[in-house]
Amino acid sequence: MSNATTREVLVMEFKDLDGKIKSIRVADPKTDLTAATVEAAMEVINDLNVFNVISGRGPATIKGAKSVQTVTNNFDIVVG
């Protein structure tokens, strides 16, 4: 018998001026998110120049977003 747990993470990806992908991950996002609300949130993040503050290089561009779900199966193993 195994116990399964599921975890969901929203991954928002941005590309900096050097072409490097930077990600912001949000654990357990709201279940009713839409592409429009995620994009709006990403625009706010970009408008705050978060990546410019980190790198000192200027604004990033929005690359995309995805919801990643992982399922972990824990097996009940008795050692003895």
N, C-alpha and C. Protein backbone atom coordinates (compact mmCIF):
# COMPACT_ATOMS: atom_id res chain seq x y z
N MET A 1 0.85 -1.18 0.00
CA MET A 1 0.00 0.00 0.00
C MET A 1 0.90 1.24 0.00
N SER A 2 0.54 2.24 -0.78
CA SER A 2 1.33 3.47 -0.81
C SER A 2 0.45 4.67 -0.50
N ASN A 3 1.07 5.70 -0.01
CA ASN A 3 0.39 6.96 0.25
C ASN A 3 0.89 7.97 -0.78
N ALA A 4 -0.03 8.54 -1.53
CA ALA A 4 0.37 9.50 -2.56
C ALA A 4 0.04 10.91 -2.12
N THR A 5 0.96 11.82 -2.38
CA THR A 5 0.72 13.24 -2.15
C THR A 5 0.97 13.98 -3.45
N THR A 6 0.15 14.98 -3.71
CA THR A 6 0.27 15.78 -4.92
C THR A 6 0.62 17.20 -4.54
N ARG A 7 1.54 17.78 -5.27
CA ARG A 7 1.96 19.15 -5.03
C ARG A 7 1.91 19.91 -6.34
N GLU A 8 1.43 21.15 -6.30
CA GLU A 8 1.36 21.97 -7.50
C GLU A 8 2.18 23.23 -7.30
N VAL A 9 2.88 23.63 -8.34
CA VAL A 9 3.70 24.84 -8.31
C VAL A 9 3.44 25.61 -9.60
N LEU A 10 3.21 26.92 -9.47
CA LEU A 10 3.12 27.80 -10.62
C LEU A 10 4.52 28.31 -10.91
N VAL A 11 4.99 28.11 -12.13
CA VAL A 11 6.33 28.56 -12.53
C VAL A 11 6.16 29.67 -13.56
N MET A 12 6.63 30.86 -13.20
CA MET A 12 6.58 32.01 -14.12
C MET A 12 8.00 32.26 -14.61
N GLU A 13 8.18 32.27 -15.92
CA GLU A 13 9.52 32.38 -16.50
C GLU A 13 9.70 33.71 -17.23
N PHE A 14 10.86 34.30 -16.99
CA PHE A 14 11.24 35.56 -17.61
C PHE A 14 12.61 35.38 -18.27
N LYS A 15 12.88 36.16 -19.31
CA LYS A 15 14.19 36.11 -19.95
C LYS A 15 14.87 37.45 -19.72
N ASP A 16 16.10 37.41 -19.16
CA ASP A 16 16.82 38.66 -18.90
C ASP A 16 17.56 39.11 -20.16
N LEU A 17 18.22 40.24 -20.08
CA LEU A 17 18.90 40.80 -21.25
C LEU A 17 20.05 39.94 -21.75
N ASP A 18 20.56 39.06 -20.90
CA ASP A 18 21.63 38.14 -21.31
C ASP A 18 21.06 36.87 -21.93
N GLY A 19 19.73 36.78 -22.02
CA GLY A 19 19.09 35.60 -22.58
C GLY A 19 18.91 34.47 -21.59
N LYS A 20 19.22 34.72 -20.33
CA LYS A 20 19.07 33.69 -19.30
C LYS A 20 17.64 33.67 -18.78
N ILE A 21 17.15 32.46 -18.54
CA ILE A 21 15.79 32.30 -18.03
C ILE A 21 15.81 32.39 -16.51
N LYS A 22 14.96 33.26 -15.99
CA LYS A 22 14.79 33.42 -14.55
C LYS A 22 13.37 32.98 -14.20
N SER A 23 13.24 32.24 -13.13
CA SER A 23 11.93 31.71 -12.75
C SER A 23 11.52 32.17 -11.37
N ILE A 24 10.24 32.40 -11.23
CA ILE A 24 9.63 32.64 -9.92
C ILE A 24 8.63 31.51 -9.74
N ARG A 25 8.73 30.83 -8.61
CA ARG A 25 7.85 29.70 -8.32
C ARG A 25 6.93 30.05 -7.16
N VAL A 26 5.65 29.70 -7.34
CA VAL A 26 4.65 29.91 -6.31
C VAL A 26 4.04 28.56 -5.96
N ALA A 27 4.26 28.13 -4.73
CA ALA A 27 3.73 26.84 -4.28
C ALA A 27 2.24 26.96 -3.99
N ASP A 28 1.52 25.92 -4.32
CA ASP A 28 0.08 25.82 -4.04
C ASP A 28 -0.70 27.05 -4.52
N PRO A 29 -0.62 27.35 -5.83
CA PRO A 29 -1.35 28.52 -6.34
C PRO A 29 -2.86 28.30 -6.26
N LYS A 30 -3.61 29.37 -6.38
CA LYS A 30 -5.07 29.26 -6.40
C LYS A 30 -5.50 28.35 -7.54
N THR A 31 -6.55 27.63 -7.32
CA THR A 31 -6.99 26.66 -8.33
C THR A 31 -7.74 27.31 -9.49
N ASP A 32 -8.20 28.54 -9.32
CA ASP A 32 -9.00 29.19 -10.36
C ASP A 32 -8.19 30.16 -11.22
N LEU A 33 -6.87 30.01 -11.24
CA LEU A 33 -6.04 30.91 -12.05
C LEU A 33 -6.33 30.71 -13.53
N THR A 34 -6.26 31.83 -14.26
CA THR A 34 -6.39 31.78 -15.71
C THR A 34 -5.11 32.33 -16.31
N ALA A 35 -4.93 32.10 -17.60
CA ALA A 35 -3.76 32.63 -18.29
C ALA A 35 -3.72 34.15 -18.16
N ALA A 36 -4.87 34.79 -18.23
CA ALA A 36 -4.92 36.25 -18.14
C ALA A 36 -4.48 36.76 -16.77
N THR A 37 -4.90 36.08 -15.70
CA THR A 37 -4.51 36.56 -14.37
C THR A 37 -3.02 36.31 -14.11
N VAL A 38 -2.50 35.19 -14.62
CA VAL A 38 -1.07 34.92 -14.45
C VAL A 38 -0.26 35.92 -15.25
N GLU A 39 -0.68 36.20 -16.47
CA GLU A 39 0.04 37.18 -17.28
C GLU A 39 0.02 38.57 -16.64
N ALA A 40 -1.12 38.95 -16.08
CA ALA A 40 -1.22 40.25 -15.40
C ALA A 40 -0.27 40.31 -14.21
N ALA A 41 -0.18 39.22 -13.46
CA ALA A 41 0.74 39.18 -12.32
C ALA A 41 2.19 39.28 -12.80
N MET A 42 2.49 38.61 -13.90
CA MET A 42 3.85 38.66 -14.44
C MET A 42 4.20 40.06 -14.92
N GLU A 43 3.23 40.76 -15.48
CA GLU A 43 3.46 42.14 -15.92
C GLU A 43 3.76 43.05 -14.74
N VAL A 44 3.05 42.83 -13.63
CA VAL A 44 3.32 43.62 -12.41
C VAL A 44 4.73 43.33 -11.91
N ILE A 45 5.11 42.07 -11.88
CA ILE A 45 6.47 41.70 -11.45
C ILE A 45 7.50 42.37 -12.35
N ASN A 46 7.26 42.34 -13.64
CA ASN A 46 8.19 42.94 -14.60
C ASN A 46 8.22 44.46 -14.44
N ASP A 47 7.06 45.07 -14.21
CA ASP A 47 7.00 46.53 -14.01
C ASP A 47 7.76 46.97 -12.76
N LEU A 48 7.86 46.08 -11.78
CA LEU A 48 8.61 46.39 -10.56
C LEU A 48 10.12 46.26 -10.76
N ASN A 49 10.53 45.86 -11.96
CA ASN A 49 11.95 45.71 -12.30
C ASN A 49 12.68 44.77 -11.34
N VAL A 50 12.01 43.70 -10.96
CA VAL A 50 12.60 42.75 -10.02
C VAL A 50 13.94 42.24 -10.54
N PHE A 51 14.01 41.89 -11.80
CA PHE A 51 15.24 41.31 -12.34
C PHE A 51 16.29 42.38 -12.60
N ASN A 52 15.87 43.61 -12.83
CA ASN A 52 16.82 44.71 -12.98
C ASN A 52 17.51 44.97 -11.65
N VAL A 53 16.77 44.90 -10.56
CA VAL A 53 17.35 45.11 -9.24
C VAL A 53 18.38 44.02 -8.93
N ILE A 54 18.06 42.80 -9.31
CA ILE A 54 18.96 41.67 -9.04
C ILE A 54 20.22 41.76 -9.90
N SER A 55 20.03 41.98 -11.20
CA SER A 55 21.18 41.93 -12.11
C SER A 55 21.78 43.29 -12.41
N GLY A 56 20.99 44.35 -12.21
CA GLY A 56 21.45 45.68 -12.56
C GLY A 56 21.50 45.91 -14.06
N ARG A 57 20.78 45.10 -14.82
CA ARG A 57 20.90 45.13 -16.27
C ARG A 57 19.67 45.60 -17.02
N GLY A 58 18.62 45.96 -16.46
CA GLY A 58 17.46 46.36 -17.24
C GLY A 58 16.35 45.32 -17.17
N PRO A 59 15.22 45.66 -17.78
CA PRO A 59 14.03 44.81 -17.62
C PRO A 59 14.16 43.47 -18.34
N ALA A 60 13.40 42.52 -17.85
CA ALA A 60 13.32 41.20 -18.46
C ALA A 60 12.10 41.17 -19.37
N THR A 61 11.95 40.11 -20.14
CA THR A 61 10.74 39.91 -20.93
C THR A 61 10.04 38.67 -20.41
N ILE A 62 8.74 38.66 -20.57
CA ILE A 62 7.95 37.52 -20.13
C ILE A 62 8.15 36.39 -21.14
N LYS A 63 8.54 35.23 -20.65
CA LYS A 63 8.75 34.06 -21.52
C LYS A 63 7.52 33.16 -21.51
N GLY A 64 6.96 32.91 -20.33
CA GLY A 64 5.79 32.04 -20.23
C GLY A 64 5.57 31.58 -18.81
N ALA A 65 4.53 30.79 -18.64
CA ALA A 65 4.20 30.27 -17.31
C ALA A 65 3.62 28.86 -17.48
N LYS A 66 3.75 28.09 -16.42
CA LYS A 66 3.19 26.74 -16.43
C LYS A 66 2.87 26.31 -15.02
N SER A 67 1.93 25.40 -14.95
CA SER A 67 1.58 24.78 -13.68
C SER A 67 2.21 23.39 -13.67
N VAL A 68 3.01 23.11 -12.65
CA VAL A 68 3.71 21.83 -12.56
C VAL A 68 3.14 21.06 -11.37
N GLN A 69 2.65 19.87 -11.65
CA GLN A 69 2.13 19.01 -10.59
C GLN A 69 3.04 17.80 -10.44
N THR A 70 3.38 17.50 -9.20
CA THR A 70 4.17 16.31 -8.93
C THR A 70 3.40 15.41 -7.97
N VAL A 71 3.48 14.14 -8.24
CA VAL A 71 2.85 13.14 -7.37
C VAL A 71 3.96 12.32 -6.76
N THR A 72 3.97 12.24 -5.44
CA THR A 72 4.96 11.45 -4.72
C THR A 72 4.26 10.27 -4.08
N ASN A 73 4.76 9.11 -4.38
CA ASN A 73 4.22 7.88 -3.78
C ASN A 73 5.18 7.39 -2.71
N ASN A 74 4.70 7.35 -1.49
CA ASN A 74 5.48 6.84 -0.38
C ASN A 74 5.05 5.41 -0.10
N PHE A 75 6.00 4.49 -0.12
CA PHE A 75 5.67 3.10 0.14
C PHE A 75 5.83 2.79 1.62
N ASP A 76 4.88 2.07 2.12
CA ASP A 76 4.94 1.64 3.52
C ASP A 76 5.80 0.38 3.57
N ILE A 77 7.02 0.54 3.98
CA ILE A 77 7.95 -0.59 4.06
C ILE A 77 8.30 -0.82 5.52
N VAL A 78 8.11 -2.05 5.94
CA VAL A 78 8.41 -2.41 7.33
C VAL A 78 9.76 -3.12 7.34
N VAL A 79 10.69 -2.57 8.09
CA VAL A 79 12.02 -3.16 8.21
C VAL A 79 12.11 -3.75 9.61
N GLY A 80 12.54 -4.94 9.68
CA GLY A 80 12.63 -5.46 11.03
C GLY A 80 12.99 -6.83 11.08
